Amino acid sequence: MRLVDSTLREGLQSDTRPVDSARKLDIAALLAAFGVDCIEVGNPVSSERARADARRLAGLDLGSTRVLAHVRCHPEDIRAAVDTGVDGLNLFIPCSPLLRHASLGRSLDELIEIAVGALELARALRPELELRITPEDSFRTPVPELERFCGAVTSRVRVDRVGLADTVGVAHPRAVEARFARLRQRFDLDLEFHGHNDTGCAVANALLAREAGATHVDVTVLGLGERNGITALEGFVAALLVHDPDAVHGRLRLELLPLLTRAVADAFGVEIPRNSCLVGANSFAHKAGVHTNAMLRDRRSYEFVDPQLMGVERRLLAGHEMTGASVLGARAQALGLDLSPEQLRRLAASVRTSASHGALASETIDELLLASVCAPERAQGL
């Protein structure tokens, strides 16, 4: 499996503030250190700044991580991208009947000729380029037309892989699985998945695409991108940790994930959602009494991965209206206090009553535990 991170291309199409060039370089360095295989950048013809940034990013020492430019099948796009020194081109062209009519007004046969010409030009300009061609809106393209496009193009020019794009984010996970399995059976080439999250299925779609034969998966940090974004890097990594941990351990530096997400959030001017997989503030926070009680006995009871792998801490919340005696007992033990089960039960009841008007700070909980030892009547009377 190869991770193609598109934060510095697709992510920039989200409704966020502009990202300056220096921060783009910092993000690229973090992505490479984290372990992504490819970094996708925007079309160099879109602006002089985009061209200059692509050149700077292509000139970075990113180890084995490759820099790829996302371009249309236009000669000027291809020439401009090759001139920046990127390692490869991710070419795309509308393919579904709806999109090819709305975007270019061309027939499928005409689009095949345009794609072949674009790929031949790229090969002529620099034969060693890594080339991907994506028939855009692949999952609203009838399967026979999709297969005809892939077969016609790859039989006439050498490409490194074909990308399938759920451009509108409407594909069902099982449909993604079936389409990748069919193309894997028909063609001997690498396949890439690019999935938008308009129906909330991007991570599931990416996972099933990979299981059905996709060799490359497109992601962005925090799922940033056009409209509802695409497959979130942290969400996809979380899914792999459950379903295929060998694809993660030893390949990705998980301890860098919080730093990477913070850098992207700061650069783009967005907040990290509290429920973001692995890195959100709530990812390893446990509140309900039955949860904290089980967690104190075995952390695997309500966690599928150890937060220490990401360099973050588990939080067992105590100052709320659902708190239980066990979590207060664990905190008392950490403070070196010896409270009886009955004392802890009474204190938990008192905390639940007080917290119904608002959560109690951890300092307040510590004070109550100390008071339970030194002045029990004051603690129970809070």
Protein backbone atom coordinates (compact mmCIF):
# COMPACT_ATOMS: atom_id res chain seq x y z
CA MET A 1 0.00 0.00 0.00
CA ARG A 2 1.12 3.53 -0.80
CA LEU A 3 -0.25 6.67 0.84
CA VAL A 4 -0.67 9.65 -1.47
CA ASP A 5 -1.14 12.70 0.71
CA SER A 6 -3.02 15.52 -1.00
CA THR A 7 -3.14 18.06 1.83
CA LEU A 8 -1.07 20.49 -0.26
CA ARG A 9 -3.41 20.10 -3.25
CA GLU A 10 -6.89 18.84 -2.37
CA GLY A 11 -6.61 20.33 1.12
CA LEU A 12 -6.01 23.78 -0.35
CA GLN A 13 -9.37 23.50 -2.13
CA SER A 14 -11.19 23.58 1.21
CA ASP A 15 -12.77 26.79 2.44
CA THR A 16 -9.87 27.83 4.65
CA ARG A 17 -7.33 30.61 4.72
CA PRO A 18 -4.37 30.62 2.27
CA VAL A 19 -1.28 28.70 3.37
CA ASP A 20 2.03 30.50 2.98
CA SER A 21 4.96 28.91 1.18
CA ALA A 22 7.09 28.38 4.29
CA ARG A 23 4.33 26.43 6.00
CA LYS A 24 3.84 24.27 2.92
CA LEU A 25 7.51 23.28 3.12
CA ASP A 26 7.19 22.51 6.84
CA ILE A 27 4.09 20.38 6.25
CA ALA A 28 5.80 18.50 3.42
CA ALA A 29 8.78 17.72 5.66
CA LEU A 30 6.46 16.42 8.40
CA LEU A 31 4.49 14.30 5.92
CA ALA A 32 7.69 12.71 4.66
CA ALA A 33 8.95 12.10 8.19
CA PHE A 34 5.60 10.56 9.11
CA GLY A 35 5.99 8.14 6.23
CA VAL A 36 3.66 9.02 3.36
CA ASP A 37 4.89 7.72 0.02
CA CYS A 38 3.79 10.61 -2.19
CA ILE A 39 2.90 14.26 -1.70
CA GLU A 40 0.52 15.71 -4.26
CA VAL A 41 0.79 19.41 -5.10
CA GLY A 42 -1.50 21.66 -7.09
CA ASN A 43 -1.39 22.52 -10.77
CA PRO A 44 1.60 24.83 -11.41
CA VAL A 45 -0.31 26.75 -14.11
CA SER A 46 -2.90 27.99 -11.61
CA SER A 47 -0.66 30.85 -10.44
CA GLU A 48 2.95 31.99 -10.26
CA ARG A 49 2.95 31.19 -6.56
CA ALA A 50 1.71 27.65 -7.24
CA ARG A 51 4.48 27.20 -9.79
CA ALA A 52 7.13 28.51 -7.40
CA ASP A 53 5.82 26.39 -4.51
CA ALA A 54 5.83 23.24 -6.67
CA ARG A 55 9.44 23.94 -7.61
CA ARG A 56 10.44 24.47 -3.97
CA LEU A 57 8.65 21.32 -2.83
CA ALA A 58 10.21 19.28 -5.65
CA GLY A 59 13.62 20.52 -4.52
CA LEU A 60 13.25 19.38 -0.91
CA ASP A 61 15.18 16.39 0.39
CA LEU A 62 12.23 14.20 1.38
CA GLY A 63 13.98 10.86 1.32
CA SER A 64 11.91 8.26 -0.50
CA THR A 65 8.77 10.44 -0.53
CA ARG A 66 7.92 11.58 -4.05
CA VAL A 67 6.35 14.88 -5.12
CA LEU A 68 3.59 14.62 -7.73
CA ALA A 69 1.73 17.42 -9.51
CA HIS A 70 -2.02 17.18 -10.11
CA VAL A 71 -2.71 18.43 -13.66
CA ARG A 72 -5.29 18.39 -16.42
CA CYS A 73 -4.62 16.63 -19.71
CA HIS A 74 -3.56 19.95 -21.22
CA PRO A 75 -0.15 20.41 -22.86
CA GLU A 76 0.49 23.69 -21.00
CA ASP A 77 -0.26 22.05 -17.65
CA ILE A 78 2.06 19.15 -18.40
CA ARG A 79 4.94 21.33 -19.62
CA ALA A 80 4.66 23.66 -16.63
CA ALA A 81 4.60 20.76 -14.15
CA VAL A 82 7.54 18.97 -15.75
CA ASP A 83 9.50 22.23 -15.64
CA THR A 84 9.16 22.40 -11.83
CA GLY A 85 11.11 19.16 -11.41
CA VAL A 86 8.38 17.11 -9.71
CA ASP A 87 8.79 13.33 -9.65
CA GLY A 88 5.54 12.58 -11.41
CA LEU A 89 2.20 13.76 -12.73
CA ASN A 90 -1.28 12.85 -11.57
CA LEU A 91 -3.34 13.52 -14.67
CA PHE A 92 -7.14 13.55 -14.64
CA ILE A 93 -9.90 13.87 -17.21
CA PRO A 94 -13.71 13.83 -16.90
CA CYS A 95 -15.14 10.41 -17.65
CA SER A 96 -18.75 10.00 -16.50
CA PRO A 97 -21.39 10.95 -19.08
CA LEU A 98 -22.60 13.77 -16.84
CA LEU A 99 -19.17 15.24 -16.13
CA ARG A 100 -17.67 14.90 -19.60
CA HIS A 101 -20.67 16.77 -20.99
CA ALA A 102 -20.61 19.47 -18.31
CA SER A 103 -16.83 19.95 -18.31
CA LEU A 104 -15.65 19.43 -21.88
CA GLY A 105 -18.60 18.53 -24.09
CA ARG A 106 -16.65 15.64 -25.62
CA SER A 107 -17.41 12.00 -26.35
CA LEU A 108 -15.67 9.17 -24.54
CA ASP A 109 -13.62 8.34 -27.65
CA GLU A 110 -12.47 11.95 -27.89
CA LEU A 111 -11.46 11.95 -24.22
CA ILE A 112 -9.47 8.75 -24.71
CA GLU A 113 -7.50 10.45 -27.50
CA ILE A 114 -6.89 13.53 -25.34
CA ALA A 115 -5.66 11.39 -22.44
CA VAL A 116 -3.36 9.32 -24.65
CA GLY A 117 -1.89 12.48 -26.21
CA ALA A 118 -1.28 14.02 -22.78
CA LEU A 119 0.45 10.91 -21.47
CA GLU A 120 2.58 10.59 -24.59
CA LEU A 121 3.68 14.21 -24.22
CA ALA A 122 4.65 13.66 -20.57
CA ARG A 123 6.64 10.54 -21.50
CA ALA A 124 8.41 12.40 -24.29
CA LEU A 125 9.33 15.32 -22.04
CA ARG A 126 10.73 13.11 -19.29
CA PRO A 127 10.54 9.32 -19.78
CA GLU A 128 11.19 8.47 -16.11
CA LEU A 129 8.19 10.42 -14.80
CA GLU A 130 5.74 8.59 -12.57
CA LEU A 131 2.40 8.87 -14.37
CA ARG A 132 -1.13 8.30 -13.13
CA ILE A 133 -4.26 8.82 -15.19
CA THR A 134 -7.62 9.20 -13.45
CA PRO A 135 -10.96 8.95 -15.28
CA GLU A 136 -12.71 11.51 -13.08
CA ASP A 137 -16.10 10.65 -11.54
CA SER A 138 -15.29 6.97 -11.92
CA PHE A 139 -18.20 5.69 -9.84
CA ARG A 140 -20.86 7.47 -11.88
CA THR A 141 -19.28 6.10 -15.05
CA PRO A 142 -20.89 2.89 -16.39
CA VAL A 143 -18.51 -0.04 -15.84
CA PRO A 144 -18.21 -0.89 -19.59
CA GLU A 145 -17.21 2.72 -20.36
CA LEU A 146 -14.73 2.78 -17.47
CA GLU A 147 -13.15 -0.46 -18.65
CA ARG A 148 -13.04 0.81 -22.23
CA PHE A 149 -11.25 3.96 -21.11
CA CYS A 150 -8.71 2.09 -18.98
CA GLY A 151 -8.06 -0.54 -21.63
CA ALA A 152 -7.70 1.89 -24.52
CA VAL A 153 -5.37 4.27 -22.69
CA THR A 154 -3.09 1.74 -21.01
CA SER A 155 -2.72 -0.33 -24.17
CA ARG A 156 -1.29 2.64 -26.07
CA VAL A 157 0.97 4.37 -23.55
CA ARG A 158 2.83 3.23 -20.45
CA VAL A 159 1.28 4.47 -17.21
CA ASP A 160 2.30 3.60 -13.69
CA ARG A 161 -1.26 3.38 -12.41
CA VAL A 162 -4.89 4.24 -13.02
CA GLY A 163 -6.82 6.17 -10.42
CA LEU A 164 -10.50 5.74 -9.63
CA ALA A 165 -12.11 8.82 -8.16
CA ASP A 166 -15.33 9.02 -6.18
CA THR A 167 -15.44 12.67 -7.17
CA VAL A 168 -18.83 13.48 -5.64
CA GLY A 169 -18.51 11.16 -2.64
CA VAL A 170 -21.59 9.10 -3.49
CA ALA A 171 -20.10 5.62 -3.90
CA HIS A 172 -21.28 2.80 -1.64
CA PRO A 173 -18.43 0.85 0.02
CA ARG A 174 -19.51 -2.44 -1.56
CA ALA A 175 -19.68 -0.79 -4.98
CA VAL A 176 -16.14 0.50 -4.49
CA GLU A 177 -15.00 -2.97 -3.53
CA ALA A 178 -16.68 -4.55 -6.55
CA ARG A 179 -15.31 -2.05 -9.04
CA PHE A 180 -11.74 -2.35 -7.80
CA ALA A 181 -11.97 -6.13 -7.76
CA ARG A 182 -13.21 -6.13 -11.34
CA LEU A 183 -10.47 -3.81 -12.62
CA ARG A 184 -7.84 -5.76 -10.69
CA GLN A 185 -9.03 -8.90 -12.48
CA ARG A 186 -9.09 -7.25 -15.91
CA PHE A 187 -5.89 -5.21 -15.87
CA ASP A 188 -2.38 -5.86 -14.64
CA LEU A 189 -1.60 -2.40 -13.28
CA ASP A 190 -1.54 -0.44 -10.05
CA LEU A 191 -4.78 1.20 -8.95
CA GLU A 192 -5.34 4.32 -6.87
CA PHE A 193 -8.42 5.42 -4.91
CA HIS A 194 -9.48 9.03 -4.38
CA GLY A 195 -12.68 9.30 -2.35
CA HIS A 196 -14.66 12.32 -1.24
CA ASN A 197 -16.59 12.28 2.03
CA ASP A 198 -19.91 13.85 1.05
CA THR A 199 -21.87 10.89 2.46
CA GLY A 200 -19.42 10.13 5.27
CA CYS A 201 -18.10 6.96 3.63
CA ALA A 202 -14.60 8.05 2.57
CA VAL A 203 -12.63 5.99 5.10
CA ALA A 204 -14.82 2.91 4.61
CA ASN A 205 -14.54 3.27 0.84
CA ALA A 206 -10.77 3.61 1.03
CA LEU A 207 -10.48 0.55 3.24
CA LEU A 208 -12.56 -1.63 0.91
CA ALA A 209 -10.78 -0.25 -2.16
CA ARG A 210 -7.50 -1.34 -0.64
CA GLU A 211 -8.81 -4.76 0.33
CA ALA A 212 -10.04 -5.22 -3.25
CA GLY A 213 -6.70 -4.36 -4.83
CA ALA A 214 -6.01 -0.61 -4.66
CA THR A 215 -2.25 -0.10 -4.31
CA HIS A 216 -2.47 3.65 -3.59
CA VAL A 217 -4.93 5.59 -1.41
CA ASP A 218 -5.32 9.36 -1.45
CA VAL A 219 -5.67 11.08 1.94
CA THR A 220 -5.45 14.52 3.49
CA VAL A 221 -4.68 15.55 7.06
CA LEU A 222 -7.97 16.13 8.91
CA GLY A 223 -9.81 15.09 5.73
CA LEU A 224 -9.49 18.59 4.26
CA GLY A 225 -10.61 19.14 0.70
CA GLU A 226 -13.29 20.30 -1.71
CA ARG A 227 -16.77 20.40 -0.08
CA ASN A 228 -16.70 17.72 2.67
CA GLY A 229 -13.12 16.76 1.92
CA ILE A 230 -11.65 13.33 1.22
CA THR A 231 -10.39 10.33 3.18
CA ALA A 232 -8.84 11.62 6.41
CA LEU A 233 -5.27 10.45 6.99
CA GLU A 234 -5.84 9.88 10.70
CA GLY A 235 -9.12 8.05 10.11
CA PHE A 236 -7.61 5.74 7.50
CA VAL A 237 -4.60 5.03 9.70
CA ALA A 238 -6.95 4.21 12.60
CA ALA A 239 -8.83 1.76 10.37
CA LEU A 240 -5.57 0.13 9.31
CA LEU A 241 -4.47 -0.22 12.94
CA VAL A 242 -7.55 -2.36 13.49
CA HIS A 243 -7.80 -4.27 10.23
CA ASP A 244 -4.21 -4.45 8.95
CA PRO A 245 -1.71 -3.30 11.61
CA ASP A 246 1.25 -4.57 9.58
CA ALA A 247 0.53 -1.79 7.08
CA VAL A 248 1.21 0.76 9.83
CA HIS A 249 3.71 -0.55 12.37
CA GLY A 250 7.27 -0.12 11.19
CA ARG A 251 6.14 2.02 8.24
CA LEU A 252 4.53 5.09 9.77
CA ARG A 253 5.82 7.17 12.65
CA LEU A 254 2.62 7.43 14.64
CA GLU A 255 4.23 9.61 17.29
CA LEU A 256 4.42 12.40 14.68
CA LEU A 257 0.70 12.33 13.89
CA PRO A 258 -0.39 14.84 16.60
CA LEU A 259 2.39 17.24 15.55
CA LEU A 260 1.45 16.89 11.89
CA THR A 261 -2.24 17.52 12.48
CA ARG A 262 -1.51 20.56 14.66
CA ALA A 263 0.81 22.00 12.01
CA VAL A 264 -1.86 21.59 9.34
CA ALA A 265 -4.62 22.96 11.56
CA ASP A 266 -2.52 26.04 12.40
CA ALA A 267 -1.49 26.61 8.77
CA PHE A 268 -5.04 26.28 7.41
CA GLY A 269 -6.64 28.17 10.30
CA VAL A 270 -8.95 25.35 11.41
CA GLU A 271 -9.61 23.58 14.69
CA ILE A 272 -8.84 19.90 15.15
CA PRO A 273 -12.31 18.38 15.69
CA ARG A 274 -12.62 16.86 19.14
CA ASN A 275 -13.75 13.57 17.60
CA SER A 276 -10.95 13.27 15.03
CA CYS A 277 -9.62 9.72 15.01
CA LEU A 278 -6.44 9.23 17.09
CA VAL A 279 -5.69 12.95 17.50
CA GLY A 280 -8.93 14.58 18.67
CA ALA A 281 -9.24 15.71 22.28
CA ASN A 282 -11.91 13.06 22.87
CA SER A 283 -10.07 10.19 21.16
CA PHE A 284 -8.88 8.68 24.43
CA ALA A 285 -11.21 10.37 26.92
CA HIS A 286 -13.48 8.10 28.99
CA LYS A 287 -16.39 9.49 30.96
CA ALA A 288 -19.19 7.07 31.86
CA GLY A 289 -18.64 5.18 35.11
CA VAL A 290 -18.95 1.76 33.49
CA HIS A 291 -16.28 2.76 30.97
CA THR A 292 -13.77 4.15 33.46
CA ASN A 293 -14.28 1.17 35.75
CA ALA A 294 -13.47 -1.27 32.93
CA MET A 295 -10.56 0.85 31.70
CA LEU A 296 -8.94 0.74 35.12
CA ARG A 297 -8.96 -3.04 34.89
CA ASP A 298 -7.96 -3.44 31.26
CA ARG A 299 -7.34 -0.55 28.86
CA ARG A 300 -8.31 -2.76 25.92
CA SER A 301 -11.90 -2.81 27.14
CA TYR A 302 -12.71 0.52 25.45
CA GLU A 303 -9.61 1.27 23.35
CA PHE A 304 -8.37 -0.48 20.22
CA VAL A 305 -4.93 1.14 20.31
CA ASP A 306 -2.59 2.43 23.01
CA PRO A 307 -2.56 6.27 22.91
CA GLN A 308 1.13 6.21 23.83
CA LEU A 309 1.83 5.16 20.22
CA MET A 310 0.70 8.65 19.23
CA GLY A 311 2.42 10.26 22.19
CA VAL A 312 -0.90 11.34 23.73
CA GLU A 313 -2.41 10.62 27.13
CA ARG A 314 -5.49 8.68 28.11
CA ARG A 315 -7.97 10.71 30.15
CA LEU A 316 -10.33 9.18 32.70
CA LEU A 317 -12.77 11.98 33.44
CA ALA A 318 -13.96 12.35 37.02
CA GLY A 319 -15.64 15.72 37.60
CA HIS A 320 -18.98 15.13 35.87
CA GLU A 321 -22.51 13.91 36.46
CA MET A 322 -21.68 10.33 35.39
CA THR A 323 -18.60 9.80 37.54
CA GLY A 324 -18.12 6.54 39.40
CA ALA A 325 -16.32 5.55 42.59
CA SER A 326 -13.64 3.60 40.71
CA VAL A 327 -12.20 6.58 38.87
CA LEU A 328 -12.13 8.61 42.08
CA GLY A 329 -10.39 5.72 43.80
CA ALA A 330 -7.74 5.61 41.06
CA ARG A 331 -7.13 9.33 41.48
CA ALA A 332 -6.94 8.98 45.26
CA GLN A 333 -4.38 6.21 44.89
CA ALA A 334 -2.32 8.40 42.55
CA LEU A 335 -2.34 11.08 45.27
CA GLY A 336 -1.30 8.56 47.90
CA LEU A 337 -4.65 8.74 49.72
CA ASP A 338 -6.37 5.80 51.36
CA LEU A 339 -10.16 6.06 51.14
CA SER A 340 -12.63 3.29 51.92
CA PRO A 341 -15.10 2.04 49.30
CA GLU A 342 -17.92 3.67 51.24
CA GLN A 343 -16.12 7.03 51.31
CA LEU A 344 -15.57 6.83 47.55
CA ARG A 345 -19.22 5.95 46.89
CA ARG A 346 -20.42 8.90 48.97
CA LEU A 347 -17.96 11.24 47.30
CA ALA A 348 -18.98 10.03 43.82
CA ALA A 349 -22.64 10.77 44.65
CA SER A 350 -21.68 14.24 45.86
CA VAL A 351 -19.66 14.94 42.72
CA ARG A 352 -22.50 13.82 40.46
CA THR A 353 -24.88 16.18 42.22
CA SER A 354 -22.50 19.15 42.07
CA ALA A 355 -21.47 18.48 38.45
CA SER A 356 -25.07 18.58 37.22
CA HIS A 357 -24.57 22.37 37.07
CA GLY A 358 -21.21 22.11 35.30
CA ALA A 359 -18.12 19.90 35.24
CA LEU A 360 -15.72 20.16 38.17
CA ALA A 361 -12.08 20.94 37.46
CA SER A 362 -9.48 18.27 38.19
CA GLU A 363 -8.06 20.54 40.91
CA THR A 364 -11.45 20.58 42.61
CA ILE A 365 -11.61 16.79 42.51
CA ASP A 366 -8.19 16.59 44.16
CA GLU A 367 -9.30 19.02 46.86
CA LEU A 368 -12.40 16.91 47.56
CA LEU A 369 -10.31 13.76 47.83
CA LEU A 370 -7.96 15.44 50.28
CA ALA A 371 -10.91 16.80 52.26
CA SER A 372 -12.41 13.30 52.42
CA VAL A 373 -9.36 12.25 54.39
CA CYS A 374 -8.83 15.41 56.45
CA ALA A 375 -12.42 16.66 56.90
CA PRO A 376 -14.95 14.12 55.61
CA GLU A 377 -17.98 16.17 56.59
CA ARG A 378 -16.80 19.15 54.47
CA ALA A 379 -16.21 16.98 51.42
CA GLN A 380 -19.63 15.36 51.59
CA GLY A 381 -21.31 18.68 52.08
CA LEU A 382 -20.05 20.25 48.85
